N, C-alpha and C. Protein backbone atom coordinates (compact mmCIF):
# COMPACT_ATOMS: atom_id res chain seq x y z
N MET A 1 129.16 83.58 23.37
CA MET A 1 128.47 82.46 23.52
C MET A 1 128.46 81.87 22.08
N SER A 2 128.94 80.44 22.00
CA SER A 2 129.24 79.67 21.01
C SER A 2 128.27 78.73 20.63
N TRP A 3 127.47 78.76 19.52
CA TRP A 3 126.55 77.21 19.48
C TRP A 3 127.26 76.67 18.27
N ARG A 4 127.27 75.12 19.16
CA ARG A 4 128.16 74.44 18.34
C ARG A 4 127.07 73.35 17.83
N LYS A 5 127.54 72.41 16.41
CA LYS A 5 126.68 71.73 15.73
C LYS A 5 127.07 70.29 16.16
N ILE A 6 125.59 69.78 16.45
CA ILE A 6 126.01 68.70 17.30
C ILE A 6 124.64 67.50 16.43
N PRO A 7 125.16 65.99 16.51
CA PRO A 7 123.87 65.38 16.10
C PRO A 7 123.19 65.01 17.30
N MET A 8 121.52 65.18 17.36
CA MET A 8 121.10 64.79 18.58
C MET A 8 121.21 63.43 18.94
N LYS A 9 121.51 63.37 20.32
CA LYS A 9 121.51 61.53 20.98
C LYS A 9 119.79 61.34 21.11
N PHE A 10 119.39 62.61 21.60
CA PHE A 10 117.98 62.53 22.24
C PHE A 10 117.17 63.66 21.61
N PRO A 11 115.92 63.81 21.94
CA PRO A 11 115.08 64.41 21.03
C PRO A 11 114.93 65.60 21.85
N GLY A 12 115.20 66.69 21.18
CA GLY A 12 115.17 68.30 21.94
C GLY A 12 113.85 68.89 21.41
N THR A 13 113.63 70.28 22.12
CA THR A 13 112.86 70.99 21.37
C THR A 13 113.82 72.74 20.84
N CYS A 14 113.26 73.11 19.63
CA CYS A 14 114.06 73.94 19.14
C CYS A 14 113.47 75.30 20.15
N ILE A 15 114.54 75.89 20.19
CA ILE A 15 114.30 77.30 21.38
C ILE A 15 113.73 78.58 20.39
N VAL A 16 113.74 78.31 19.20
CA VAL A 16 113.63 79.09 18.21
C VAL A 16 111.83 79.50 18.09
N CYS A 17 111.44 78.26 17.11
CA CYS A 17 110.54 77.70 16.52
C CYS A 17 109.22 76.93 17.56
N ASN A 18 110.07 76.62 18.60
CA ASN A 18 109.07 75.05 19.70
C ASN A 18 108.82 74.30 19.06
N GLU A 19 109.35 73.44 17.55
CA GLU A 19 109.05 72.57 17.01
C GLU A 19 110.09 71.32 17.68
N LYS A 20 110.12 69.95 17.56
CA LYS A 20 110.86 69.10 18.06
C LYS A 20 112.16 68.51 16.92
N ILE A 21 113.18 68.43 17.79
CA ILE A 21 114.22 68.24 16.89
C ILE A 21 114.03 66.57 17.05
N PRO A 22 114.76 66.02 16.41
CA PRO A 22 114.71 64.25 16.53
C PRO A 22 115.97 63.90 16.72
N VAL A 23 116.23 63.05 16.89
CA VAL A 23 117.15 62.10 17.35
C VAL A 23 117.72 61.70 15.98
N ASN A 24 119.34 61.99 15.77
CA ASN A 24 120.11 62.18 14.98
C ASN A 24 120.10 63.18 13.56
N GLU A 25 119.19 64.25 13.91
CA GLU A 25 119.07 65.48 13.42
C GLU A 25 120.23 66.30 14.02
N ILE A 26 120.58 66.96 12.77
CA ILE A 26 122.03 68.12 13.29
C ILE A 26 121.14 69.06 13.99
N GLY A 27 121.37 69.64 15.23
CA GLY A 27 121.14 70.67 15.78
C GLY A 27 122.19 71.34 16.34
N LEU A 28 121.96 72.97 16.98
CA LEU A 28 122.99 73.90 17.29
C LEU A 28 122.71 73.88 18.72
N TRP A 29 123.56 73.44 19.47
CA TRP A 29 123.19 73.48 21.15
C TRP A 29 124.50 75.02 21.53
N ALA A 30 123.83 75.59 22.70
CA ALA A 30 124.70 76.20 23.60
C ALA A 30 124.28 75.87 24.98
N LYS A 31 125.44 75.53 25.74
CA LYS A 31 125.41 75.57 27.19
C LYS A 31 124.62 76.43 27.68
N GLY A 32 123.30 76.09 28.51
CA GLY A 32 122.59 76.98 29.15
C GLY A 32 121.25 77.45 28.33
N LEU A 33 121.33 77.87 27.25
CA LEU A 33 120.67 78.50 26.39
C LEU A 33 119.32 77.05 25.83
N GLY A 34 120.15 76.11 25.43
CA GLY A 34 119.58 74.92 24.67
C GLY A 34 119.83 74.39 23.22
N VAL A 35 118.58 74.02 22.65
CA VAL A 35 119.15 73.87 21.03
C VAL A 35 118.19 74.14 20.27
N LYS A 36 118.47 74.12 18.90
CA LYS A 36 117.85 75.06 17.88
C LYS A 36 118.15 74.64 16.37
N HIS A 37 117.26 74.48 15.63
CA HIS A 37 117.13 73.70 13.97
C HIS A 37 118.22 74.73 13.64
N GLU A 38 119.08 74.07 12.57
CA GLU A 38 120.01 74.78 11.86
C GLU A 38 119.74 76.00 11.02
N LYS A 39 118.37 75.21 10.47
CA LYS A 39 117.36 76.37 9.62
C LYS A 39 116.79 77.77 10.44
N CYS A 40 116.71 77.24 11.81
CA CYS A 40 115.95 78.76 12.62
C CYS A 40 117.25 79.13 12.99
N ALA A 41 118.33 79.00 12.90
CA ALA A 41 119.81 79.53 13.25
C ALA A 41 119.95 80.79 12.38
N GLN A 42 119.17 80.63 11.00
CA GLN A 42 119.47 81.25 9.76
C GLN A 42 118.31 82.44 9.81
N THR A 43 117.43 82.54 10.76
CA THR A 43 116.68 83.51 10.91
C THR A 43 116.99 84.70 11.80
N ASN A 44 116.69 85.91 11.08
CA ASN A 44 117.27 86.97 11.92
C ASN A 44 116.57 87.20 13.70
N GLU A 45 117.65 87.11 14.34
CA GLU A 45 116.83 86.98 15.76
C GLU A 45 118.27 88.31 16.48
N LEU A 46 117.80 88.78 17.28
CA LEU A 46 118.66 89.80 17.74
C LEU A 46 119.06 88.97 19.23
N GLN A 47 120.30 89.53 19.62
CA GLN A 47 120.93 88.86 20.96
C GLN A 47 120.35 89.44 22.27
N CYS A 48 120.21 89.34 23.24
CA CYS A 48 120.21 89.30 24.65
C CYS A 48 121.08 90.34 24.97
N ILE A 49 121.57 91.38 24.99
CA ILE A 49 122.39 92.23 25.94
C ILE A 49 122.94 91.76 27.03
N VAL A 50 122.41 91.19 27.77
CA VAL A 50 122.56 90.97 29.25
C VAL A 50 123.19 89.42 28.95
N CYS A 51 122.59 88.40 28.55
CA CYS A 51 123.09 86.75 28.53
C CYS A 51 123.66 86.67 27.25
N GLY A 52 123.28 87.09 26.07
CA GLY A 52 124.14 87.03 24.75
C GLY A 52 123.50 85.73 24.12
N GLY A 53 122.33 85.11 24.82
CA GLY A 53 121.32 84.35 24.38
C GLY A 53 120.66 85.06 22.95
N PRO A 54 119.21 84.00 22.56
CA PRO A 54 118.53 84.64 21.74
C PRO A 54 117.55 85.30 22.23
N ALA A 55 117.31 86.96 21.62
CA ALA A 55 115.94 87.82 22.34
C ALA A 55 115.02 87.32 23.02
N GLY A 56 114.52 86.27 21.88
CA GLY A 56 113.02 86.04 21.82
C GLY A 56 111.96 86.30 20.53
N CYS A 57 112.73 86.80 19.41
CA CYS A 57 112.16 87.90 18.66
C CYS A 57 111.04 87.00 18.22
N SER A 58 110.41 85.33 17.90
CA SER A 58 109.85 85.12 17.43
C SER A 58 108.73 84.88 18.47
N GLN A 59 108.64 85.53 19.48
CA GLN A 59 107.83 85.47 20.83
C GLN A 59 107.70 86.65 21.10
N CYS A 60 108.27 87.83 20.65
CA CYS A 60 107.87 89.06 21.01
C CYS A 60 106.52 89.55 20.73
N GLU A 61 105.85 90.57 21.18
CA GLU A 61 104.64 90.80 21.32
C GLU A 61 104.56 92.12 20.09
N PHE A 62 105.92 92.79 19.85
CA PHE A 62 106.04 93.87 18.66
C PHE A 62 106.30 92.91 17.16
N GLN A 63 106.47 91.70 17.45
CA GLN A 63 106.93 91.09 15.96
C GLN A 63 106.34 91.36 15.16
N GLU A 64 104.82 91.74 14.76
CA GLU A 64 104.34 91.96 13.67
C GLU A 64 104.71 93.32 13.21
N ILE A 65 105.09 93.91 13.91
CA ILE A 65 105.35 95.71 13.42
C ILE A 65 107.00 95.85 13.59
N CYS A 66 107.51 94.91 14.13
CA CYS A 66 108.98 95.05 14.23
C CYS A 66 109.80 95.40 12.63
N ASP A 67 110.79 96.20 12.56
CA ASP A 67 111.43 96.12 11.36
C ASP A 67 112.80 96.07 12.09
N LEU A 68 112.99 94.40 12.23
CA LEU A 68 114.34 94.16 12.49
C LEU A 68 115.75 94.51 12.55
N PRO A 69 115.83 94.84 10.86
CA PRO A 69 117.15 95.54 10.42
C PRO A 69 117.59 96.56 11.25
N ASN A 70 116.61 97.66 11.35
CA ASN A 70 116.48 98.80 11.86
C ASN A 70 116.13 99.20 13.11
N VAL A 71 115.86 98.18 13.90
CA VAL A 71 115.50 98.65 15.60
C VAL A 71 116.75 98.44 16.44
N SER A 72 116.57 98.95 17.62
CA SER A 72 117.86 98.89 18.26
C SER A 72 118.33 97.34 18.66
N GLN A 73 119.87 97.35 18.54
CA GLN A 73 120.38 96.12 18.87
C GLN A 73 120.38 95.81 20.34
N LEU A 74 119.77 96.64 21.46
CA LEU A 74 119.74 96.46 22.47
C LEU A 74 118.70 95.81 23.56
N CYS A 75 118.03 94.71 22.85
CA CYS A 75 116.95 93.96 23.30
C CYS A 75 117.67 93.07 24.46
N ILE A 76 116.54 92.54 25.43
CA ILE A 76 116.59 91.67 26.39
C ILE A 76 116.00 90.77 26.17
N CYS A 77 116.48 89.57 26.62
CA CYS A 77 115.18 88.03 26.95
C CYS A 77 114.45 88.18 27.64
N LYS A 78 113.49 87.41 27.69
CA LYS A 78 112.41 87.51 28.54
C LYS A 78 112.88 86.85 29.92
N LYS A 79 113.52 85.78 29.87
CA LYS A 79 114.51 85.60 31.04
C LYS A 79 115.30 86.23 31.97
N CYS A 80 116.08 86.78 31.25
CA CYS A 80 116.78 88.02 31.94
C CYS A 80 115.76 89.16 32.28
N SER A 81 114.91 89.58 31.62
CA SER A 81 114.16 90.84 32.09
C SER A 81 113.21 90.28 33.34
N GLU A 82 113.27 89.13 33.51
CA GLU A 82 112.46 88.65 34.92
C GLU A 82 113.28 88.62 36.08
N GLU A 83 114.44 89.12 35.98
CA GLU A 83 115.73 88.79 36.66
C GLU A 83 115.60 89.65 38.28
N LYS A 84 115.63 89.50 38.87
CA LYS A 84 115.53 90.51 40.21
C LYS A 84 115.93 91.71 39.58
N ASP A 85 117.35 92.21 39.47
CA ASP A 85 117.49 93.55 39.45
C ASP A 85 117.76 93.38 37.68
N ALA A 86 116.97 93.30 36.85
CA ALA A 86 117.06 93.44 35.55
C ALA A 86 117.66 94.50 34.85
N PHE A 87 116.97 95.80 35.49
CA PHE A 87 117.24 96.90 34.76
C PHE A 87 118.81 97.20 35.25
N SER A 88 119.26 96.79 36.58
CA SER A 88 120.84 96.91 36.53
C SER A 88 121.57 96.45 36.07
N SER A 89 121.08 95.16 35.35
CA SER A 89 122.37 94.21 34.56
C SER A 89 121.99 94.04 33.35
N TYR A 90 120.90 95.16 32.82
CA TYR A 90 120.95 95.96 31.47
C TYR A 90 121.67 97.19 31.18
N GLN A 91 121.66 97.73 32.19
CA GLN A 91 122.54 99.03 32.10
C GLN A 91 123.89 98.63 32.31
N LYS A 92 124.45 97.73 32.99
CA LYS A 92 126.05 97.30 33.23
C LYS A 92 125.87 96.76 32.06
N SER A 93 125.23 95.70 31.01
CA SER A 93 125.55 94.95 30.00
C SER A 93 126.23 96.15 29.21
N VAL A 94 124.99 97.32 28.78
CA VAL A 94 124.94 98.51 28.03
C VAL A 94 126.49 99.23 27.94
N ASN A 95 126.82 99.17 29.12
CA ASN A 95 127.69 100.04 29.54
C ASN A 95 129.02 99.69 29.31
N LYS A 96 129.22 98.06 29.05
CA LYS A 96 130.00 97.50 29.16
C LYS A 96 130.61 97.22 27.46
N LYS A 97 129.29 96.86 26.82
CA LYS A 97 129.59 96.93 25.38
C LYS A 97 129.86 98.54 24.56
N PHE A 98 129.49 99.26 25.07
CA PHE A 98 129.64 100.85 24.87
C PHE A 98 130.39 101.61 25.69
N LEU A 99 131.80 101.61 25.55
CA LEU A 99 132.58 102.18 26.68
C LEU A 99 132.24 103.64 26.36
N LEU A 100 132.29 104.16 25.57
CA LEU A 100 131.81 105.82 24.74
C LEU A 100 130.47 105.92 26.13
N LEU A 101 130.04 105.31 26.40
CA LEU A 101 128.78 105.85 27.47
C LEU A 101 129.48 106.27 28.78
N ASN A 102 130.29 105.45 28.86
CA ASN A 102 130.87 105.49 30.46
C ASN A 102 131.52 107.02 30.89
N SER A 103 132.13 107.68 29.77
CA SER A 103 132.71 108.84 29.78
C SER A 103 132.04 110.51 30.36
């Protein structure tokens, strides 16, 4: 999933910090994920192993004690974790990413 740099034609809300992005400000947009500030894109955030979007580090219940550079990179976002077959989707994504686990 790639983020596109766009001038905002309509006001939006950043998916990382939840603050408004005004019209004409540059934002980063990804289809199906939303928009975020350029500055918020530079913050460390894990990607969801299932959908590839932000894992939601800024809203994580473990944010205060998380050592982000040293934790598992296999997080799942809230949206994907609430899907019907979340664990199955998670397993398939991990197996696809790490083919060695399939042997």
